[in-house]
Protein backbone atom coordinates (compact mmCIF):
# COMPACT_ATOMS: atom_id res chain seq x y z
CA UNK A 1 -69.85 21.77 -9.91
CA UNK A 2 -72.79 21.10 -12.06
CA UNK A 3 -74.51 24.19 -10.80
CA UNK A 4 -75.12 27.59 -13.14
CA UNK A 5 -73.62 29.69 -10.72
CA UNK A 6 -74.69 33.46 -10.58
CA UNK A 7 -71.81 35.93 -10.90
CA UNK A 8 -70.48 38.36 -8.27
CA UNK A 9 -69.01 41.73 -8.94
CA UNK A 10 -65.69 42.33 -7.45
CA UNK A 11 -65.63 45.51 -6.62
CA UNK A 12 -61.78 46.38 -6.55
CA UNK A 13 -61.38 48.05 -10.11
CA UNK A 14 -63.26 50.18 -12.18
CA UNK A 15 -65.66 48.91 -14.71
CA UNK A 16 -63.77 50.81 -17.40
CA UNK A 17 -61.12 48.51 -17.21
CA UNK A 18 -63.06 45.49 -15.91
CA UNK A 19 -63.82 43.66 -19.57
CA UNK A 20 -64.26 39.71 -19.56
CA UNK A 21 -65.74 36.74 -20.81
CA UNK A 22 -69.28 35.67 -22.14
CA UNK A 23 -69.61 32.44 -20.19
CA UNK A 24 -72.27 31.15 -22.97
CA UNK A 25 -75.34 31.93 -24.70
CA UNK A 26 -77.65 33.82 -22.38
CA UNK A 27 -80.96 32.40 -21.99
CA UNK A 28 -83.44 35.00 -21.64
CA UNK A 29 -86.30 33.17 -19.80
CA UNK A 30 -89.22 34.43 -17.53
CA UNK A 31 -87.67 34.64 -14.23
CA UNK A 32 -90.87 33.95 -12.10
CA UNK A 33 -89.82 31.73 -9.53
CA UNK A 34 -86.52 32.83 -8.55
CA UNK A 35 -85.00 34.21 -5.18
CA UNK A 36 -84.78 38.05 -5.71
CA UNK A 37 -83.05 40.50 -4.43
CA UNK A 38 -84.78 43.20 -2.61
CA UNK A 39 -82.46 45.65 -0.84
CA UNK A 40 -79.40 46.54 0.11
CA UNK A 41 -78.21 48.24 2.76
CA UNK A 42 -74.47 50.15 3.11
CA UNK A 43 -73.05 51.62 6.60
CA UNK A 44 -70.03 53.12 6.59
CA UNK A 45 -67.93 53.35 9.73
CA UNK A 46 -67.83 56.47 11.01
CA UNK A 47 -65.31 56.30 13.70
CA UNK A 48 -62.73 56.11 10.63
CA UNK A 49 -63.95 59.75 9.25
CA UNK A 50 -65.83 58.10 6.40
CA UNK A 51 -69.12 59.84 5.05
CA UNK A 52 -72.36 58.63 4.32
CA UNK A 53 -73.35 57.37 0.63
CA UNK A 54 -75.66 55.38 -0.77
CA UNK A 55 -77.56 54.06 2.47
CA UNK A 56 -80.19 51.84 0.68
CA UNK A 57 -80.95 50.53 -2.42
CA UNK A 58 -84.06 48.90 -2.79
CA UNK A 59 -85.21 46.62 -5.75
CA UNK A 60 -88.82 46.16 -7.41
CA UNK A 61 -90.14 43.98 -9.92
CA UNK A 62 -92.57 43.03 -12.87
CA UNK A 63 -95.16 40.97 -13.26
CA UNK A 64 -92.75 38.45 -15.21
CA UNK A 65 -90.20 38.72 -12.29
CA UNK A 66 -87.76 41.17 -14.03
CA UNK A 67 -86.41 43.43 -12.12
CA UNK A 68 -88.13 47.02 -12.66
CA UNK A 69 -86.97 49.77 -10.35
CA UNK A 70 -83.92 49.98 -8.60
CA UNK A 71 -84.56 52.79 -5.97
CA UNK A 72 -81.13 55.15 -4.34
CA UNK A 73 -81.86 56.64 -0.78
CA UNK A 74 -79.22 58.51 0.90
CA UNK A 75 -78.95 59.06 4.70
CA UNK A 76 -79.15 62.66 5.20
CA UNK A 77 -79.12 62.80 9.21
CA UNK A 78 -77.50 61.41 12.15
CA UNK A 79 -80.98 59.91 13.05
CA UNK A 80 -80.95 57.39 10.19
CA UNK A 81 -83.80 59.58 7.63
CA UNK A 82 -83.06 58.74 4.75
CA UNK A 83 -84.24 60.51 1.18
CA UNK A 84 -84.80 59.18 -2.30
CA UNK A 85 -81.59 60.23 -4.40
CA UNK A 86 -81.82 58.45 -7.73
CA UNK A 87 -83.52 55.85 -9.86
CA UNK A 88 -83.40 53.37 -12.37
CA UNK A 89 -86.10 51.92 -14.85
CA UNK A 90 -85.77 49.08 -16.89
CA UNK A 91 -87.86 47.86 -20.34
CA UNK A 92 -87.89 44.66 -21.73
CA UNK A 93 -88.92 43.27 -25.18
CA UNK A 94 -91.17 39.89 -25.75
CA UNK A 95 -88.01 37.52 -25.08
CA UNK A 96 -87.39 38.94 -21.49
CA UNK A 97 -84.29 40.97 -22.96
CA UNK A 98 -83.63 44.50 -21.57
CA UNK A 99 -83.49 46.58 -24.27
CA UNK A 100 -83.03 50.29 -22.24
CA UNK A 101 -81.90 51.43 -18.62
CA UNK A 102 -83.75 54.88 -18.06
CA UNK A 103 -81.52 56.45 -15.07
CA UNK A 104 -83.17 59.41 -13.31
CA UNK A 105 -81.27 62.00 -10.70
CA UNK A 106 -82.14 64.79 -9.01
CA UNK A 107 -82.18 68.41 -9.81
CA UNK A 108 -81.81 71.28 -7.88
CA UNK A 109 -85.04 71.35 -6.70
CA UNK A 110 -85.06 67.82 -5.39
CA UNK A 111 -87.20 66.35 -8.64
CA UNK A 112 -86.31 63.59 -10.32
CA UNK A 113 -85.30 64.11 -14.09
CA UNK A 114 -84.46 61.69 -16.86
CA UNK A 115 -80.47 61.84 -16.91
CA UNK A 116 -79.72 58.98 -19.28
CA UNK A 117 -81.33 56.17 -21.35
CA UNK A 118 -78.89 52.91 -22.12
CA UNK A 119 -80.37 51.33 -25.04
CA UNK A 120 -79.30 47.62 -26.09
CA UNK A 121 -79.23 45.29 -29.34
CA UNK A 122 -78.53 41.91 -29.62
CA UNK A 123 -77.68 39.26 -31.86
CA UNK A 124 -79.58 35.68 -32.49
CA UNK A 125 -77.71 34.01 -29.52
CA UNK A 126 -79.46 36.88 -27.37
CA UNK A 127 -75.41 38.11 -26.75
CA UNK A 128 -75.51 42.33 -26.97
CA UNK A 129 -73.63 43.42 -29.88
CA UNK A 130 -74.24 47.45 -29.40
CA UNK A 131 -74.75 49.38 -26.24
CA UNK A 132 -75.61 52.99 -26.39
CA UNK A 133 -76.04 56.05 -23.73
CA UNK A 134 -78.27 58.96 -24.51
CA UNK A 135 -77.87 61.80 -22.41
CA UNK A 136 -80.39 64.59 -21.38
CA UNK A 137 -79.24 67.91 -20.22
CA UNK A 138 -82.52 69.56 -18.26
CA UNK A 139 -80.94 73.06 -17.92
CA UNK A 140 -80.59 73.93 -21.75
CA UNK A 141 -83.16 70.86 -23.02
CA UNK A 142 -80.37 68.81 -25.24
CA UNK A 143 -80.21 65.29 -25.67
CA UNK A 144 -76.89 63.45 -26.78
CA UNK A 145 -75.76 60.32 -27.73
CA UNK A 146 -72.30 60.40 -25.89
CA UNK A 147 -71.46 56.90 -25.72
CA UNK A 148 -71.56 53.61 -27.87
CA UNK A 149 -70.22 50.06 -27.08
CA UNK A 150 -70.07 47.34 -29.95
CA UNK A 151 -69.14 43.87 -29.14
CA UNK A 152 -67.72 41.09 -31.68
CA UNK A 153 -67.83 37.28 -30.41
CA UNK A 154 -65.65 34.28 -31.46
CA UNK A 155 -67.08 30.88 -30.67
CA UNK A 156 -69.67 31.83 -28.89
CA UNK A 157 -67.19 34.14 -26.68
CA UNK A 158 -66.80 37.95 -26.54
CA UNK A 159 -63.30 38.84 -28.55
CA UNK A 160 -63.40 42.35 -28.73
CA UNK A 161 -65.58 45.57 -27.31
CA UNK A 162 -65.03 48.83 -29.06
CA UNK A 163 -65.46 52.34 -26.84
CA UNK A 164 -66.68 55.19 -29.07
CA UNK A 165 -67.13 58.74 -26.75
CA UNK A 166 -67.94 61.84 -26.96
CA UNK A 167 -70.46 63.92 -28.96
CA UNK A 168 -69.09 62.60 -32.52
CA UNK A 169 -68.92 59.45 -30.79
CA UNK A 170 -64.89 59.34 -31.43
CA UNK A 171 -63.57 55.45 -31.07
CA UNK A 172 -61.51 55.58 -27.92
CA UNK A 173 -60.13 52.15 -27.34
CA UNK A 174 -60.37 48.45 -27.75
CA UNK A 175 -60.78 45.46 -25.48
CA UNK A 176 -59.44 42.06 -26.53
CA UNK A 177 -59.56 39.06 -25.30
CA UNK A 178 -58.00 35.57 -24.90
CA UNK A 179 -58.73 32.16 -23.79
CA UNK A 180 -57.11 28.65 -22.90
CA UNK A 181 -58.40 25.56 -24.18
CA UNK A 182 -61.00 25.43 -21.09
CA UNK A 183 -62.30 28.60 -22.31
CA UNK A 184 -61.29 30.50 -19.70
CA UNK A 185 -60.28 33.96 -19.82
CA UNK A 186 -56.57 34.04 -19.79
CA UNK A 187 -55.44 37.44 -21.13
CA UNK A 188 -57.51 40.84 -21.41
CA UNK A 189 -55.65 43.56 -23.69
CA UNK A 190 -56.88 47.30 -23.86
CA UNK A 191 -55.35 49.12 -26.66
CA UNK A 192 -55.74 52.65 -28.37
CA UNK A 193 -57.80 52.73 -31.89
CA UNK A 194 -54.80 52.84 -33.20
CA UNK A 195 -53.51 49.84 -31.72
CA UNK A 196 -51.19 51.33 -28.78
CA UNK A 197 -51.02 49.09 -25.94
CA UNK A 198 -52.40 50.52 -22.85
CA UNK A 199 -53.35 47.95 -20.12
CA UNK A 200 -53.21 44.08 -19.50
CA UNK A 201 -54.48 41.52 -17.27
CA UNK A 202 -53.57 38.15 -16.88
CA UNK A 203 -55.80 35.70 -15.32
CA UNK A 204 -54.92 32.44 -12.97
CA UNK A 205 -56.58 29.51 -11.95
CA UNK A 206 -56.49 26.68 -9.23
CA UNK A 207 -56.88 22.91 -10.27
CA UNK A 208 -60.68 23.15 -9.56
CA UNK A 209 -61.32 25.33 -12.19
CA UNK A 210 -61.29 28.64 -10.16
CA UNK A 211 -60.10 31.95 -10.71
CA UNK A 212 -57.19 32.54 -8.08
CA UNK A 213 -56.36 36.53 -9.23
CA UNK A 214 -55.23 38.35 -11.68
CA UNK A 215 -52.20 40.94 -12.60
CA UNK A 216 -52.79 44.36 -14.14
CA UNK A 217 -50.16 45.65 -16.20
CA UNK A 218 -49.71 49.15 -17.51
CA UNK A 219 -47.73 49.87 -20.63
CA UNK A 220 -45.01 52.82 -20.63
CA UNK A 221 -41.54 52.95 -22.08
CA UNK A 222 -42.06 50.31 -24.25
CA UNK A 223 -42.81 47.52 -21.99
CA UNK A 224 -45.46 46.16 -19.66
CA UNK A 225 -45.02 47.54 -15.46
CA UNK A 226 -46.57 46.10 -12.90
CA UNK A 227 -49.38 47.94 -11.56
CA UNK A 228 -52.19 46.12 -9.30
CA UNK A 229 -53.05 42.92 -8.61
CA UNK A 230 -55.91 40.75 -6.63
CA UNK A 231 -56.36 37.44 -5.18
CA UNK A 232 -59.58 35.41 -4.37
CA UNK A 233 -59.55 32.90 -1.55
CA UNK A 234 -62.51 30.25 -1.54
CA UNK A 235 -63.75 28.40 0.91
CA UNK A 236 -62.86 24.70 1.40
CA UNK A 237 -65.52 23.44 -1.35
CA UNK A 238 -63.72 26.10 -3.56
CA UNK A 239 -67.46 26.90 -3.85
CA UNK A 240 -67.70 30.77 -2.29
CA UNK A 241 -65.24 33.15 -2.80
CA UNK A 242 -64.74 34.51 0.76
CA UNK A 243 -62.08 36.83 0.67
CA UNK A 244 -60.37 39.28 -1.88
CA UNK A 245 -57.21 41.39 -1.34
CA UNK A 246 -55.53 44.30 -3.68
CA UNK A 247 -52.20 44.92 -3.89
CA UNK A 248 -50.76 48.08 -5.86
CA UNK A 249 -46.85 47.68 -7.13
CA UNK A 250 -45.12 50.60 -5.45
CA UNK A 251 -41.25 51.15 -5.39
CA UNK A 252 -41.03 47.65 -6.67
CA UNK A 253 -43.09 46.07 -4.20
CA UNK A 254 -46.62 44.95 -4.17
CA UNK A 255 -48.19 46.47 -0.81
CA UNK A 256 -51.93 45.78 0.42
CA UNK A 257 -54.39 47.89 -0.57
CA UNK A 258 -57.98 46.94 -0.14
CA UNK A 259 -59.26 43.70 1.65
CA UNK A 260 -63.29 42.52 1.10
CA UNK A 261 -64.70 39.81 3.09
CA UNK A 262 -67.94 37.96 2.22
CA UNK A 263 -70.64 36.13 3.73
CA UNK A 264 -72.98 33.76 2.03
CA UNK A 265 -76.48 33.03 2.54
CA UNK A 266 -76.40 29.11 2.48
CA UNK A 267 -80.06 28.79 2.08
CA UNK A 268 -80.36 30.31 -1.35
CA UNK A 269 -78.75 28.85 -4.23
CA UNK A 270 -76.89 30.78 -6.84
CA UNK A 271 -78.85 28.69 -9.71
CA UNK A 272 -81.70 29.29 -7.58
CA UNK A 273 -81.51 33.17 -7.83
CA UNK A 274 -82.55 36.23 -10.02
CA UNK A 275 -80.11 37.31 -12.30
CA UNK A 276 -80.01 40.94 -13.34
CA UNK A 277 -77.28 41.55 -16.33
CA UNK A 278 -77.33 45.26 -17.75
CA UNK A 279 -74.22 47.33 -19.34
CA UNK A 280 -72.23 47.02 -15.86
CA UNK A 281 -72.25 43.37 -16.28
CA UNK A 282 -71.46 42.99 -20.04
CA UNK A 283 -68.66 45.76 -19.71
CA UNK A 284 -67.39 44.35 -16.46
CA UNK A 285 -67.13 40.39 -16.67
CA UNK A 286 -63.72 39.68 -15.66
CA UNK A 287 -64.85 41.36 -12.68
CA UNK A 288 -67.43 38.61 -11.90
CA UNK A 289 -66.93 35.53 -9.97
CA UNK A 290 -69.07 32.36 -9.69
CA UNK A 291 -70.01 31.13 -6.37
CA UNK A 292 -72.54 28.55 -5.45
CA UNK A 293 -74.78 30.60 -2.90
CA UNK A 294 -75.55 34.55 -2.91
CA UNK A 295 -73.74 36.87 -1.05
CA UNK A 296 -75.37 38.05 2.12
CA UNK A 297 -72.90 40.52 3.81
CA UNK A 298 -69.73 42.45 2.37
CA UNK A 299 -67.08 43.74 4.80
CA UNK A 300 -64.49 46.30 3.07
CA UNK A 301 -61.10 47.17 4.92
CA UNK A 302 -58.53 49.67 3.54
CA UNK A 303 -54.73 48.93 4.64
CA UNK A 304 -52.81 51.71 6.50
CA UNK A 305 -49.38 51.74 5.93
CA UNK A 306 -48.36 53.58 8.78
CA UNK A 307 -44.27 52.91 10.33
CA UNK A 308 -45.76 51.79 13.27
CA UNK A 309 -49.21 50.76 12.59
CA UNK A 310 -49.40 48.71 9.14
CA UNK A 311 -52.86 47.11 9.86
CA UNK A 312 -56.26 46.13 7.90
CA UNK A 313 -58.49 49.23 9.27
CA UNK A 314 -62.49 48.69 8.66
CA UNK A 315 -64.54 51.09 6.38
CA UNK A 316 -67.57 49.71 5.44
CA UNK A 317 -70.40 46.92 5.66
CA UNK A 318 -72.60 46.19 2.85
CA UNK A 319 -76.01 43.80 3.78
CA UNK A 320 -78.11 42.30 1.04
CA UNK A 321 -81.67 40.82 2.01
CA UNK A 322 -83.32 38.47 -0.81
CA UNK A 323 -86.28 36.58 -0.44
CA UNK A 324 -87.30 33.23 -2.05
CA UNK A 325 -90.06 32.28 -4.41
CA UNK A 326 -92.58 31.25 -1.69
CA UNK A 327 -92.37 34.85 -0.82
CA UNK A 328 -92.35 36.99 -3.61
CA UNK A 329 -95.97 37.50 -4.08
CA UNK A 330 -96.15 39.15 -1.28
CA UNK A 331 -93.59 42.08 -2.21
CA UNK A 332 -93.23 41.32 -6.18
CA UNK A 333 -94.96 45.28 -6.42
CA UNK A 334 -93.05 47.30 -3.82
CA UNK A 335 -94.57 51.13 -3.82
CA UNK A 336 -91.87 53.10 -4.50
CA UNK A 337 -92.99 56.35 -2.95
CA UNK A 338 -93.32 54.59 0.35
CA UNK A 339 -90.08 53.34 0.54
CA UNK A 340 -88.90 57.10 2.19
CA UNK A 341 -91.61 57.02 5.01
CA UNK A 342 -90.94 53.10 6.12
CA UNK A 343 -87.95 53.00 8.67
CA UNK A 344 -87.83 50.68 11.73
CA UNK A 345 -86.13 51.41 14.80
CA UNK A 346 -83.67 50.65 16.60
CA UNK A 347 -81.80 48.75 14.26
CA UNK A 348 -80.20 46.29 15.33
CA UNK A 349 -82.77 45.10 17.61
CA UNK A 350 -82.31 43.18 20.40
CA UNK A 351 -85.66 42.91 22.33
CA UNK A 352 -88.06 44.54 20.08
CA UNK A 353 -88.72 47.18 17.05
CA UNK A 354 -90.72 50.03 16.09
CA UNK A 355 -92.02 51.33 12.74
CA UNK A 356 -92.01 55.12 12.10
CA UNK A 357 -94.99 56.74 11.03
CA UNK A 358 -96.98 53.85 11.21
CA UNK A 359 -100.30 55.52 10.43
CA UNK A 360 -102.79 53.30 8.55
CA UNK A 361 -100.47 50.03 8.53
CA UNK A 362 -103.03 46.48 8.51
CA UNK A 363 -99.93 44.09 8.51
CA UNK A 364 -96.54 43.32 9.49
CA UNK A 365 -94.80 40.57 8.70
CA UNK A 366 -91.08 39.62 9.37
CA UNK A 367 -89.43 37.14 6.84
CA UNK A 368 -85.84 35.35 7.73
CA UNK A 369 -82.71 34.88 5.20
CA UNK A 370 -84.50 31.88 3.83
CA UNK A 371 -87.26 33.93 2.52
CA UNK A 372 -89.72 32.32 5.52
CA UNK A 373 -92.04 34.36 6.94
CA UNK A 374 -91.40 33.58 10.94
CA UNK A 375 -93.61 36.09 12.32
CA UNK A 376 -96.77 38.07 11.86
CA UNK A 377 -98.14 41.34 14.11
CA UNK A 378 -101.16 42.47 14.26
CA UNK A 379 -101.74 46.04 13.30
CA UNK A 380 -101.10 49.53 15.03
CA UNK A 381 -98.85 47.83 17.71
CA UNK A 382 -96.32 50.12 18.95
CA UNK A 383 -93.33 47.46 19.84
CA UNK A 384 -92.88 44.41 17.76
CA UNK A 385 -91.28 42.01 19.94
CA UNK A 386 -88.08 39.58 18.12
CA UNK A 387 -87.48 37.83 21.33
CA UNK A 388 -86.71 34.31 20.73
CA UNK A 389 -86.01 34.73 17.06
CA UNK A 390 -82.25 34.07 15.75
CA UNK A 391 -79.53 36.37 14.97
CA UNK A 392 -79.28 37.57 11.57
CA UNK A 393 -81.17 39.90 8.81
CA UNK A 394 -84.57 40.18 8.18
CA UNK A 395 -87.19 41.59 6.12
CA UNK A 396 -89.82 43.70 7.62
CA UNK A 397 -92.71 43.48 4.62
CA UNK A 398 -95.33 46.39 5.88
CA UNK A 399 -99.13 46.40 4.27
CA UNK A 400 -101.08 49.32 4.58
CA UNK A 401 -104.99 50.14 4.09
CA UNK A 402 -104.60 50.43 0.39
CA UNK A 403 -102.42 46.82 0.32
CA UNK A 404 -99.45 48.59 -0.65
CA UNK A 405 -96.43 47.03 0.46
CA UNK A 406 -93.05 48.13 1.66
CA UNK A 407 -90.00 46.79 3.12
CA UNK A 408 -87.27 47.51 5.55
CA UNK A 409 -84.49 45.59 6.63
CA UNK A 410 -83.88 44.71 10.20
CA UNK A 411 -80.63 43.26 11.95
CA UNK A 412 -81.66 40.82 15.08
CA UNK A 413 -78.60 41.15 17.36
């Protein structure tokens, strides 16, 4: 396929053991006109005893189209009320390269404070050569450089990453990468700083060149031992991964562990979507898979190894809302302070929805998954009809009297 596909994060494994291949030189161009992820919603299956975690992530962009903020909200009660719990702010240089990510968390008084800064250096090929973490302690007012990652490249691909942790930046371990003649990652090995083996992953590919999975081994008693494996299943055209299944090696047998199913927005090509890459991407590239389209929904299942059940158990759903370039002008500058005040209900909706705290609203728009504005409502309407609209995920754009815009995701069933 002749498209530059957007990577999709595979979430089975920790990023600490998920380092992989730099596909090519990164061209840091202004990302205007690209479809952009606006927010993600996470919903847990409460009948299975899972607690609420990150209920919503909202994303805002600056005038060049780069991601400026990522705002995290948690659901705080059964009525669906959410509260601000964290925020990331991104800084870019004149070449639109990300040079710093500032992470803010809540203190004991519920006020955001600067928790960490991640700083980036690049080579002439626009590849990161060093990433550093600076941590801030608001209680004793200390600042500490406590993590550093250095990158080495060969033939345009990452060949090694060295990890340094702690206040003295002690060299912890090295990650090394091997490729085949098709420039596909075939092996990843983690060793201690002194060269002792720790972890190894070997990757498999189908005839279409798509990664079909990998086996993760741990080194003990002078031999490599099976630990974990992941299998990927694609659609009929080998364009999008539709299922990912992980297994644990227990008592000499591979046993099902976690299954993830993916739905895609077929109206938005990954090549037409904004590709945000920070340290979590650069340190975890072997956990990303290329797809032709952007992901719209992700369903997670865990395997219940009960003597009489032995079945997959649904755990949570993550839905992703995108806007295409034709609609971005209306939501490029979302006011982060208003995000906790805008709620739509009932959600999912079948006939209508309402807006909580509707004061000072001047315009309400409903945008479908392709980014098209499908309905516009007059201000201060008690109920906003969705009759006649197709089932699916929509974005509600709300404008107030100061022309400040906020968004909410709405599911029509």
